[in-house]
PDB file of all heavy atoms in Angstrom:
ATOM      1  N   LEU A   1      72.415 -41.785  70.755  1.00  0.00           N
ATOM      2  CA  LEU A   1      71.363 -41.354  69.851  1.00  0.00           C
ATOM      3  C   LEU A   1      71.271 -39.836  69.857  1.00  0.00           C
ATOM      4  O   LEU A   1      71.308 -39.211  70.919  1.00  0.00           O
ATOM      5  CB  LEU A   1      70.030 -41.956  70.304  1.00  0.00           C
ATOM      6  CG  LEU A   1      68.825 -41.810  69.390  1.00  0.00           C
ATOM      7  CD1 LEU A   1      68.999 -42.676  68.157  1.00  0.00           C
ATOM      8  CD2 LEU A   1      67.563 -42.207  70.141  1.00  0.00           C
ATOM      9  N   SER A   2      71.148 -39.223  68.682  1.00  0.00           N
ATOM     10  CA  SER A   2      71.043 -37.767  68.624  1.00  0.00           C
ATOM     11  C   SER A   2      70.265 -37.340  67.389  1.00  0.00           C
ATOM     12  O   SER A   2      70.145 -38.091  66.413  1.00  0.00           O
ATOM     13  CB  SER A   2      72.425 -37.116  68.621  1.00  0.00           C
ATOM     14  OG  SER A   2      73.143 -37.457  67.448  1.00  0.00           O
ATOM     15  N   LEU A   3      69.750 -36.108  67.425  1.00  0.00           N
ATOM     16  CA  LEU A   3      68.988 -35.519  66.324  1.00  0.00           C
ATOM     17  C   LEU A   3      69.337 -34.045  66.222  1.00  0.00           C
ATOM     18  O   LEU A   3      69.427 -33.346  67.233  1.00  0.00           O
ATOM     19  CB  LEU A   3      67.483 -35.678  66.584  1.00  0.00           C
ATOM     20  CG  LEU A   3      66.536 -34.915  65.650  1.00  0.00           C
ATOM     21  CD1 LEU A   3      66.572 -35.525  64.246  1.00  0.00           C
ATOM     22  CD2 LEU A   3      65.113 -34.929  66.203  1.00  0.00           C
ATOM     23  N   SER A   4      69.550 -33.557  64.995  1.00  0.00           N
ATOM     24  CA  SER A   4      69.805 -32.137  64.779  1.00  0.00           C
ATOM     25  C   SER A   4      69.102 -31.684  63.504  1.00  0.00           C
ATOM     26  O   SER A   4      68.919 -32.473  62.564  1.00  0.00           O
ATOM     27  CB  SER A   4      71.307 -31.846  64.677  1.00  0.00           C
ATOM     28  OG  SER A   4      71.862 -32.480  63.543  1.00  0.00           O
ATOM     29  N   VAL A   5      68.679 -30.408  63.488  1.00  0.00           N
ATOM     30  CA  VAL A   5      68.031 -29.808  62.324  1.00  0.00           C
ATOM     31  C   VAL A   5      68.695 -28.475  62.060  1.00  0.00           C
ATOM     32  O   VAL A   5      68.817 -27.637  62.963  1.00  0.00           O
ATOM     33  CB  VAL A   5      66.519 -29.613  62.555  1.00  0.00           C
ATOM     34  CG1 VAL A   5      65.852 -29.109  61.282  1.00  0.00           C
ATOM     35  CG2 VAL A   5      65.870 -30.897  63.027  1.00  0.00           C
ATOM     36  N   SER A   6      69.135 -28.246  60.843  1.00  0.00           N
ATOM     37  CA  SER A   6      69.839 -26.999  60.517  1.00  0.00           C
ATOM     38  C   SER A   6      69.585 -26.611  59.061  1.00  0.00           C
ATOM     39  O   SER A   6      69.250 -27.476  58.235  1.00  0.00           O
ATOM     40  CB  SER A   6      71.347 -27.194  60.746  1.00  0.00           C
ATOM     41  OG  SER A   6      71.852 -28.198  59.872  1.00  0.00           O
ATOM     42  N   PRO A   7      69.734 -25.295  58.724  1.00  0.00           N
ATOM     43  CA  PRO A   7      69.916 -24.180  59.667  1.00  0.00           C
ATOM     44  C   PRO A   7      68.597 -23.794  60.311  1.00  0.00           C
ATOM     45  O   PRO A   7      67.547 -24.271  59.895  1.00  0.00           O
ATOM     46  CB  PRO A   7      70.437 -23.074  58.760  1.00  0.00           C
ATOM     47  CG  PRO A   7      69.766 -23.348  57.451  1.00  0.00           C
ATOM     48  CD  PRO A   7      69.692 -24.834  57.328  1.00  0.00           C
ATOM     49  N   SER A   8      68.654 -22.924  61.277  1.00  0.00           N
ATOM     50  CA  SER A   8      67.450 -22.404  61.890  1.00  0.00           C
ATOM     51  C   SER A   8      67.644 -20.922  62.189  1.00  0.00           C
ATOM     52  O   SER A   8      68.591 -20.569  62.917  1.00  0.00           O
ATOM     53  CB  SER A   8      67.136 -23.137  63.185  1.00  0.00           C
ATOM     54  OG  SER A   8      65.918 -22.696  63.732  1.00  0.00           O
ATOM     55  N   PRO A   9      66.796 -20.054  61.608  1.00  0.00           N
ATOM     56  CA  PRO A   9      65.677 -20.369  60.722  1.00  0.00           C
ATOM     57  C   PRO A   9      66.167 -20.836  59.346  1.00  0.00           C
ATOM     58  O   PRO A   9      67.299 -20.609  58.970  1.00  0.00           O
ATOM     59  CB  PRO A   9      64.911 -19.055  60.634  1.00  0.00           C
ATOM     60  CG  PRO A   9      65.949 -18.010  60.858  1.00  0.00           C
ATOM     61  CD  PRO A   9      66.910 -18.600  61.856  1.00  0.00           C
ATOM     62  N   PHE A  10      65.260 -21.469  58.574  1.00  0.00           N
ATOM     63  CA  PHE A  10      65.603 -21.887  57.225  1.00  0.00           C
ATOM     64  C   PHE A  10      64.497 -21.439  56.275  1.00  0.00           C
ATOM     65  O   PHE A  10      63.397 -21.072  56.695  1.00  0.00           O
ATOM     66  CB  PHE A  10      65.805 -23.401  57.160  1.00  0.00           C
ATOM     67  CG  PHE A  10      64.539 -24.206  57.206  1.00  0.00           C
ATOM     68  CD1 PHE A  10      63.981 -24.728  56.046  1.00  0.00           C
ATOM     69  CD2 PHE A  10      63.890 -24.449  58.406  1.00  0.00           C
ATOM     70  CE1 PHE A  10      62.819 -25.472  56.076  1.00  0.00           C
ATOM     71  CE2 PHE A  10      62.732 -25.200  58.445  1.00  0.00           C
ATOM     72  CZ  PHE A  10      62.185 -25.708  57.278  1.00  0.00           C
ATOM     73  N   PHE A  11      64.797 -21.462  54.980  1.00  0.00           N
ATOM     74  CA  PHE A  11      63.846 -20.973  53.985  1.00  0.00           C
ATOM     75  C   PHE A  11      63.197 -22.130  53.217  1.00  0.00           C
ATOM     76  O   PHE A  11      62.118 -22.574  53.573  1.00  0.00           O
ATOM     77  CB  PHE A  11      64.537 -19.990  53.039  1.00  0.00           C
ATOM     78  CG  PHE A  11      64.933 -18.720  53.742  1.00  0.00           C
ATOM     79  CD1 PHE A  11      66.188 -18.590  54.314  1.00  0.00           C
ATOM     80  CD2 PHE A  11      64.039 -17.667  53.862  1.00  0.00           C
ATOM     81  CE1 PHE A  11      66.552 -17.423  54.974  1.00  0.00           C
ATOM     82  CE2 PHE A  11      64.392 -16.499  54.529  1.00  0.00           C
ATOM     83  CZ  PHE A  11      65.657 -16.376  55.090  1.00  0.00           C
ATOM     84  N   SER A  12      63.828 -22.665  52.222  1.00  0.00           N
ATOM     85  CA  SER A  12      63.165 -23.683  51.409  1.00  0.00           C
ATOM     86  C   SER A  12      63.404 -25.100  51.908  1.00  0.00           C
ATOM     87  O   SER A  12      62.533 -25.963  51.796  1.00  0.00           O
ATOM     88  CB  SER A  12      63.607 -23.569  49.950  1.00  0.00           C
ATOM     89  OG  SER A  12      65.008 -23.761  49.846  1.00  0.00           O
ATOM     90  N   SER A  13      64.589 -25.365  52.458  1.00  0.00           N
ATOM     91  CA  SER A  13      64.891 -26.728  52.897  1.00  0.00           C
ATOM     92  C   SER A  13      65.806 -26.707  54.109  1.00  0.00           C
ATOM     93  O   SER A  13      66.546 -25.738  54.334  1.00  0.00           O
ATOM     94  CB  SER A  13      65.529 -27.539  51.766  1.00  0.00           C
ATOM     95  OG  SER A  13      66.772 -26.982  51.394  1.00  0.00           O
ATOM     96  N   ALA A  14      65.744 -27.810  54.870  1.00  0.00           N
ATOM     97  CA  ALA A  14      66.594 -27.961  56.046  1.00  0.00           C
ATOM     98  C   ALA A  14      67.184 -29.363  56.041  1.00  0.00           C
ATOM     99  O   ALA A  14      66.663 -30.284  55.408  1.00  0.00           O
ATOM    100  CB  ALA A  14      65.806 -27.717  57.330  1.00  0.00           C
ATOM    101  N   LYS A  15      68.283 -29.518  56.749  1.00  0.00           N
ATOM    102  CA  LYS A  15      68.954 -30.803  56.856  1.00  0.00           C
ATOM    103  C   LYS A  15      68.627 -31.424  58.210  1.00  0.00           C
ATOM    104  O   LYS A  15      68.930 -30.844  59.259  1.00  0.00           O
ATOM    105  CB  LYS A  15      70.459 -30.628  56.686  1.00  0.00           C
ATOM    106  CG  LYS A  15      71.232 -31.948  56.705  1.00  0.00           C
ATOM    107  CD  LYS A  15      72.679 -31.755  56.280  1.00  0.00           C
ATOM    108  CE  LYS A  15      73.465 -30.964  57.309  1.00  0.00           C
ATOM    109  NZ  LYS A  15      74.898 -30.929  56.988  1.00  0.00           N
ATOM    110  N   VAL A  16      68.000 -32.600  58.180  1.00  0.00           N
ATOM    111  CA  VAL A  16      67.674 -33.334  59.398  1.00  0.00           C
ATOM    112  C   VAL A  16      68.676 -34.482  59.526  1.00  0.00           C
ATOM    113  O   VAL A  16      68.709 -35.382  58.688  1.00  0.00           O
ATOM    114  CB  VAL A  16      66.234 -33.883  59.342  1.00  0.00           C
ATOM    115  CG1 VAL A  16      65.908 -34.674  60.607  1.00  0.00           C
ATOM    116  CG2 VAL A  16      65.237 -32.742  59.154  1.00  0.00           C
ATOM    117  N   SER A  17      69.511 -34.430  60.554  1.00  0.00           N
ATOM    118  CA  SER A  17      70.559 -35.430  60.748  1.00  0.00           C
ATOM    119  C   SER A  17      70.312 -36.182  62.048  1.00  0.00           C
ATOM    120  O   SER A  17      69.900 -35.591  63.057  1.00  0.00           O
ATOM    121  CB  SER A  17      71.940 -34.768  60.792  1.00  0.00           C
ATOM    122  OG  SER A  17      72.187 -34.050  59.597  1.00  0.00           O
ATOM    123  N   PHE A  18      70.559 -37.498  62.022  1.00  0.00           N
ATOM    124  CA  PHE A  18      70.404 -38.281  63.243  1.00  0.00           C
ATOM    125  C   PHE A  18      71.458 -39.377  63.298  1.00  0.00           C
ATOM    126  O   PHE A  18      71.918 -39.878  62.271  1.00  0.00           O
ATOM    127  CB  PHE A  18      68.995 -38.880  63.358  1.00  0.00           C
ATOM    128  CG  PHE A  18      68.569 -39.760  62.221  1.00  0.00           C
ATOM    129  CD1 PHE A  18      68.706 -41.144  62.291  1.00  0.00           C
ATOM    130  CD2 PHE A  18      68.018 -39.211  61.074  1.00  0.00           C
ATOM    131  CE1 PHE A  18      68.302 -41.956  61.250  1.00  0.00           C
ATOM    132  CE2 PHE A  18      67.601 -40.021  60.023  1.00  0.00           C
ATOM    133  CZ  PHE A  18      67.748 -41.390  60.102  1.00  0.00           C
ATOM    134  N   ASN A  19      71.872 -39.702  64.522  1.00  0.00           N
ATOM    135  CA  ASN A  19      72.880 -40.729  64.778  1.00  0.00           C
ATOM    136  C   ASN A  19      72.247 -41.892  65.533  1.00  0.00           C
ATOM    137  O   ASN A  19      71.488 -41.693  66.493  1.00  0.00           O
ATOM    138  CB  ASN A  19      74.034 -40.161  65.611  1.00  0.00           C
ATOM    139  CG  ASN A  19      74.831 -39.131  64.836  1.00  0.00           C
ATOM    140  OD1 ASN A  19      75.033 -39.271  63.636  1.00  0.00           O
ATOM    141  ND2 ASN A  19      75.284 -38.085  65.528  1.00  0.00           N
ATOM    142  N   LEU A  20      72.569 -43.118  65.097  1.00  0.00           N
ATOM    143  CA  LEU A  20      72.069 -44.324  65.749  1.00  0.00           C
ATOM    144  C   LEU A  20      73.247 -45.169  66.232  1.00  0.00           C
ATOM    145  O   LEU A  20      74.067 -45.603  65.419  1.00  0.00           O
ATOM    146  CB  LEU A  20      71.237 -45.157  64.774  1.00  0.00           C
ATOM    147  CG  LEU A  20      69.933 -44.553  64.245  1.00  0.00           C
ATOM    148  CD1 LEU A  20      69.317 -45.501  63.219  1.00  0.00           C
ATOM    149  CD2 LEU A  20      68.963 -44.303  65.378  1.00  0.00           C
ATOM    150  N   PRO A  21      73.342 -45.425  67.512  1.00  0.00           N
ATOM    151  CA  PRO A  21      74.412 -46.312  67.998  1.00  0.00           C
ATOM    152  C   PRO A  21      74.173 -47.771  67.641  1.00  0.00           C
ATOM    153  O   PRO A  21      75.114 -48.555  67.554  1.00  0.00           O
ATOM    154  CB  PRO A  21      74.391 -46.091  69.508  1.00  0.00           C
ATOM    155  CG  PRO A  21      73.025 -45.602  69.811  1.00  0.00           C
ATOM    156  CD  PRO A  21      72.567 -44.833  68.612  1.00  0.00           C
ATOM    157  N   VAL A  22      72.887 -48.153  67.429  1.00  0.00           N
ATOM    158  CA  VAL A  22      72.536 -49.512  67.001  1.00  0.00           C
ATOM    159  C   VAL A  22      71.456 -49.408  65.937  1.00  0.00           C
ATOM    160  O   VAL A  22      70.758 -48.398  65.840  1.00  0.00           O
ATOM    161  CB  VAL A  22      72.022 -50.380  68.177  1.00  0.00           C
ATOM    162  CG1 VAL A  22      73.092 -50.571  69.227  1.00  0.00           C
ATOM    163  CG2 VAL A  22      70.765 -49.778  68.785  1.00  0.00           C
ATOM    164  N   SER A  23      71.318 -50.431  65.127  1.00  0.00           N
ATOM    165  CA  SER A  23      70.256 -50.454  64.119  1.00  0.00           C
ATOM    166  C   SER A  23      68.906 -50.373  64.809  1.00  0.00           C
ATOM    167  O   SER A  23      68.680 -50.987  65.851  1.00  0.00           O
ATOM    168  CB  SER A  23      70.350 -51.725  63.287  1.00  0.00           C
ATOM    169  OG  SER A  23      71.595 -51.806  62.636  1.00  0.00           O
ATOM    170  N   ASP A  24      67.998 -49.621  64.205  1.00  0.00           N
ATOM    171  CA  ASP A  24      66.719 -49.402  64.864  1.00  0.00           C
ATOM    172  C   ASP A  24      65.699 -48.900  63.852  1.00  0.00           C
ATOM    173  O   ASP A  24      66.065 -48.425  62.773  1.00  0.00           O
ATOM    174  CB  ASP A  24      66.869 -48.367  65.986  1.00  0.00           C
ATOM    175  CG  ASP A  24      65.875 -48.589  67.117  1.00  0.00           C
ATOM    176  OD1 ASP A  24      64.863 -49.283  66.887  1.00  0.00           O
ATOM    177  OD2 ASP A  24      66.110 -48.072  68.217  1.00  0.00           O
ATOM    178  N   LYS A  25      64.413 -49.004  64.202  1.00  0.00           N
ATOM    179  CA  LYS A  25      63.373 -48.384  63.402  1.00  0.00           C
ATOM    180  C   LYS A  25      63.282 -46.921  63.801  1.00  0.00           C
ATOM    181  O   LYS A  25      63.257 -46.582  64.987  1.00  0.00           O
ATOM    182  CB  LYS A  25      62.019 -49.060  63.598  1.00  0.00           C
ATOM    183  CG  LYS A  25      60.922 -48.452  62.729  1.00  0.00           C
ATOM    184  CD  LYS A  25      59.602 -49.178  62.862  1.00  0.00           C
ATOM    185  CE  LYS A  25      58.563 -48.545  61.936  1.00  0.00           C
ATOM    186  NZ  LYS A  25      57.250 -49.224  62.022  1.00  0.00           N
ATOM    187  N   VAL A  26      63.210 -46.039  62.809  1.00  0.00           N
ATOM    188  CA  VAL A  26      63.186 -44.596  63.050  1.00  0.00           C
ATOM    189  C   VAL A  26      61.948 -44.004  62.377  1.00  0.00           C
ATOM    190  O   VAL A  26      61.683 -44.261  61.201  1.00  0.00           O
ATOM    191  CB  VAL A  26      64.453 -43.911  62.514  1.00  0.00           C
ATOM    192  CG1 VAL A  26      64.355 -42.400  62.681  1.00  0.00           C
ATOM    193  CG2 VAL A  26      65.684 -44.449  63.225  1.00  0.00           C
ATOM    194  N   VAL A  27      61.194 -43.222  63.139  1.00  0.00           N
ATOM    195  CA  VAL A  27      60.076 -42.447  62.601  1.00  0.00           C
ATOM    196  C   VAL A  27      60.382 -40.978  62.853  1.00  0.00           C
ATOM    197  O   VAL A  27      60.669 -40.581  63.987  1.00  0.00           O
ATOM    198  CB  VAL A  27      58.741 -42.829  63.267  1.00  0.00           C
ATOM    199  CG1 VAL A  27      57.607 -41.948  62.746  1.00  0.00           C
ATOM    200  CG2 VAL A  27      58.424 -44.298  63.040  1.00  0.00           C
ATOM    201  N   ILE A  28      60.370 -40.164  61.799  1.00  0.00           N
ATOM    202  CA  ILE A  28      60.597 -38.724  61.933  1.00  0.00           C
ATOM    203  C   ILE A  28      59.385 -38.002  61.367  1.00  0.00           C
ATOM    204  O   ILE A  28      59.015 -38.199  60.205  1.00  0.00           O
ATOM    205  CB  ILE A  28      61.884 -38.272  61.224  1.00  0.00           C
ATOM    206  CG1 ILE A  28      63.102 -38.947  61.863  1.00  0.00           C
ATOM    207  CG2 ILE A  28      62.026 -36.748  61.304  1.00  0.00           C
ATOM    208  CD1 ILE A  28      64.425 -38.548  61.242  1.00  0.00           C
ATOM    209  N   GLU A  29      58.760 -37.176  62.197  1.00  0.00           N
ATOM    210  CA  GLU A  29      57.566 -36.426  61.819  1.00  0.00           C
ATOM    211  C   GLU A  29      57.733 -34.962  62.174  1.00  0.00           C
ATOM    212  O   GLU A  29      58.487 -34.610  63.099  1.00  0.00           O
ATOM    213  CB  GLU A  29      56.336 -36.993  62.532  1.00  0.00           C
ATOM    214  CG  GLU A  29      56.042 -38.445  62.198  1.00  0.00           C
ATOM    215  CD  GLU A  29      54.976 -39.051  63.073  1.00  0.00           C
ATOM    216  OE1 GLU A  29      54.874 -38.641  64.257  1.00  0.00           O
ATOM    217  OE2 GLU A  29      54.243 -39.933  62.589  1.00  0.00           O
ATOM    218  N   VAL A  30      57.020 -34.101  61.446  1.00  0.00           N
ATOM    219  CA  VAL A  30      57.057 -32.660  61.684  1.00  0.00           C
ATOM    220  C   VAL A  30      55.661 -32.210  62.091  1.00  0.00           C
ATOM    221  O   VAL A  30      54.671 -32.551  61.426  1.00  0.00           O
ATOM    222  CB  VAL A  30      57.511 -31.900  60.428  1.00  0.00           C
ATOM    223  CG1 VAL A  30      57.516 -30.391  60.702  1.00  0.00           C
ATOM    224  CG2 VAL A  30      58.892 -32.363  59.991  1.00  0.00           C
ATOM    225  N   TYR A  31      55.584 -31.443  63.179  1.00  0.00           N
ATOM    226  CA  TYR A  31      54.310 -30.930  63.680  1.00  0.00           C
ATOM    227  C   TYR A  31      54.339 -29.404  63.699  1.00  0.00           C
ATOM    228  O   TYR A  31      55.404 -28.792  63.925  1.00  0.00           O
ATOM    229  CB  TYR A  31      54.032 -31.440  65.098  1.00  0.00           C
ATOM    230  CG  TYR A  31      53.789 -32.924  65.157  1.00  0.00           C
ATOM    231  CD1 TYR A  31      54.855 -33.813  65.216  1.00  0.00           C
ATOM    232  CD2 TYR A  31      52.496 -33.423  65.145  1.00  0.00           C
ATOM    233  CE1 TYR A  31      54.634 -35.190  65.263  1.00  0.00           C
ATOM    234  CE2 TYR A  31      52.265 -34.806  65.196  1.00  0.00           C
ATOM    235  CZ  TYR A  31      53.333 -35.672  65.254  1.00  0.00           C
ATOM    236  OH  TYR A  31      53.111 -37.017  65.298  1.00  0.00           O
ATOM    237  N   ASP A  32      53.170 -28.775  63.467  1.00  0.00           N
ATOM    238  CA  ASP A  32      53.116 -27.330  63.590  1.00  0.00           C
ATOM    239  C   ASP A  32      52.949 -26.948  65.058  1.00  0.00           C
ATOM    240  O   ASP A  32      52.852 -27.819  65.934  1.00  0.00           O
ATOM    241  CB  ASP A  32      52.018 -26.729  62.709  1.00  0.00           C
ATOM    242  CG  ASP A  32      50.613 -27.167  63.124  1.00  0.00           C
ATOM    243  OD1 ASP A  32      50.434 -27.623  64.276  1.00  0.00           O
ATOM    244  OD2 ASP A  32      49.693 -27.063  62.293  1.00  0.00           O
ATOM    245  N   ILE A  33      52.885 -25.671  65.318  1.00  0.00           N
ATOM    246  CA  ILE A  33      52.863 -25.187  66.707  1.00  0.00           C
ATOM    247  C   ILE A  33      51.566 -25.575  67.423  1.00  0.00           C
ATOM    248  O   ILE A  33      51.492 -25.587  68.648  1.00  0.00           O
ATOM    249  CB  ILE A  33      53.074 -23.659  66.752  1.00  0.00           C
ATOM    250  CG1 ILE A  33      53.534 -23.215  68.146  1.00  0.00           C
ATOM    251  CG2 ILE A  33      51.812 -22.933  66.309  1.00  0.00           C
ATOM    252  CD1 ILE A  33      54.898 -23.736  68.529  1.00  0.00           C
ATOM    253  N   GLN A  34      50.518 -25.945  66.644  1.00  0.00           N
ATOM    254  CA  GLN A  34      49.251 -26.379  67.229  1.00  0.00           C
ATOM    255  C   GLN A  34      49.237 -27.878  67.522  1.00  0.00           C
ATOM    256  O   GLN A  34      48.241 -28.418  68.003  1.00  0.00           O
ATOM    257  CB  GLN A  34      48.103 -26.032  66.276  1.00  0.00           C
ATOM    258  CG  GLN A  34      47.995 -24.561  65.910  1.00  0.00           C
ATOM    259  CD  GLN A  34      47.760 -23.685  67.126  1.00  0.00           C
ATOM    260  OE1 GLN A  34      47.036 -24.080  68.039  1.00  0.00           O
ATOM    261  NE2 GLN A  34      48.360 -22.511  67.145  1.00  0.00           N
ATOM    262  N   GLY A  35      50.350 -28.561  67.206  1.00  0.00           N
ATOM    263  CA  GLY A  35      50.429 -29.987  67.448  1.00  0.00           C
ATOM    264  C   GLY A  35      49.859 -30.834  66.338  1.00  0.00           C
ATOM    265  O   GLY A  35      49.682 -32.041  66.500  1.00  0.00           O
ATOM    266  N   ARG A  36      49.578 -30.232  65.165  1.00  0.00           N
ATOM    267  CA  ARG A  36      49.041 -30.979  64.035  1.00  0.00           C
ATOM    268  C   ARG A  36      50.175 -31.516  63.172  1.00  0.00           C
ATOM    269  O   ARG A  36      51.163 -30.819  62.934  1.00  0.00           O
ATOM    270  CB  ARG A  36      48.132 -30.079  63.196  1.00  0.00           C
ATOM    271  CG  ARG A  36      46.881 -29.610  63.940  1.00  0.00           C
ATOM    272  CD  ARG A  36      46.122 -28.557  63.180  1.00  0.00           C
ATOM    273  NE  ARG A  36      46.938 -27.361  62.972  1.00  0.00           N
ATOM    274  CZ  ARG A  36      46.446 -26.173  62.632  1.00  0.00           C
ATOM    275  NH1 ARG A  36      45.135 -26.034  62.436  1.00  0.00           N
ATOM    276  NH2 ARG A  36      47.249 -25.137  62.459  1.00  0.00           N
ATOM    277  N   LEU A  37      50.004 -32.746  62.699  1.00  0.00           N
ATOM    278  CA  LEU A  37      51.031 -33.348  61.852  1.00  0.00           C
ATOM    279  C   LEU A  37      51.121 -32.591  60.539  1.00  0.00           C
ATOM    280  O   LEU A  37      50.136 -32.472  59.801  1.00  0.00           O
ATOM    281  CB  LEU A  37      50.688 -34.822  61.593  1.00  0.00           C
ATOM    282  CG  LEU A  37      51.665 -35.592  60.700  1.00  0.00           C
ATOM    283  CD1 LEU A  37      53.032 -35.705  61.378  1.00  0.00           C
ATOM    284  CD2 LEU A  37      51.120 -36.991  60.390  1.00  0.00           C
ATOM    285  N   ALA A  38      52.317 -32.072  60.228  1.00  0.00           N
ATOM    286  CA  ALA A  38      52.532 -31.317  58.998  1.00  0.00           C
ATOM    287  C   ALA A  38      53.227 -32.145  57.926  1.00  0.00           C
ATOM    288  O   ALA A  38      53.001 -31.947  56.734  1.00  0.00           O
ATOM    289  CB  ALA A  38      53.352 -30.055  59.286  1.00  0.00           C
ATOM    290  N   LYS A  39      54.076 -33.073  58.332  1.00  0.00           N
ATOM    291  CA  LYS A  39      54.802 -33.879  57.356  1.00  0.00           C
ATOM    292  C   LYS A  39      55.370 -35.109  58.043  1.00  0.00           C
ATOM    293  O   LYS A  39      55.840 -35.031  59.179  1.00  0.00           O
ATOM    294  CB  LYS A  39      55.944 -33.068  56.733  1.00  0.00           C
ATOM    295  CG  LYS A  39      56.591 -33.719  55.510  1.00  0.00           C
ATOM    296  CD  LYS A  39      57.641 -32.795  54.914  1.00  0.00           C
ATOM    297  CE  LYS A  39      58.176 -33.307  53.609  1.00  0.00           C
ATOM    298  NZ  LYS A  39      57.176 -33.291  52.536  1.00  0.00           N
ATOM    299  N   LYS A  40      55.295 -36.253  57.345  1.00  0.00           N
ATOM    300  CA  LYS A  40      55.943 -37.470  57.822  1.00  0.00           C
ATOM    301  C   LYS A  40      57.147 -37.703  56.939  1.00  0.00           C
ATOM    302  O   LYS A  40      57.013 -37.984  55.742  1.00  0.00           O
ATOM    303  CB  LYS A  40      54.983 -38.660  57.757  1.00  0.00           C
ATOM    304  CG  LYS A  40      55.506 -39.885  58.493  1.00  0.00           C
ATOM    305  CD  LYS A  40      54.382 -40.852  58.804  1.00  0.00           C
ATOM    306  CE  LYS A  40      54.863 -41.935  59.765  1.00  0.00           C
ATOM    307  NZ  LYS A  40      53.770 -42.794  60.238  1.00  0.00           N
TER     308      LYS A  40
END
């Protein structure tokens, strides 16, 4: 299992890539530096 986000820093959009060795439920969320949910 792995997760990568690129490029960093980025401007308008970024690519979030993840690998799953087996089928699974995946939740990906983005939080700001204060720990508040910014995007699901």
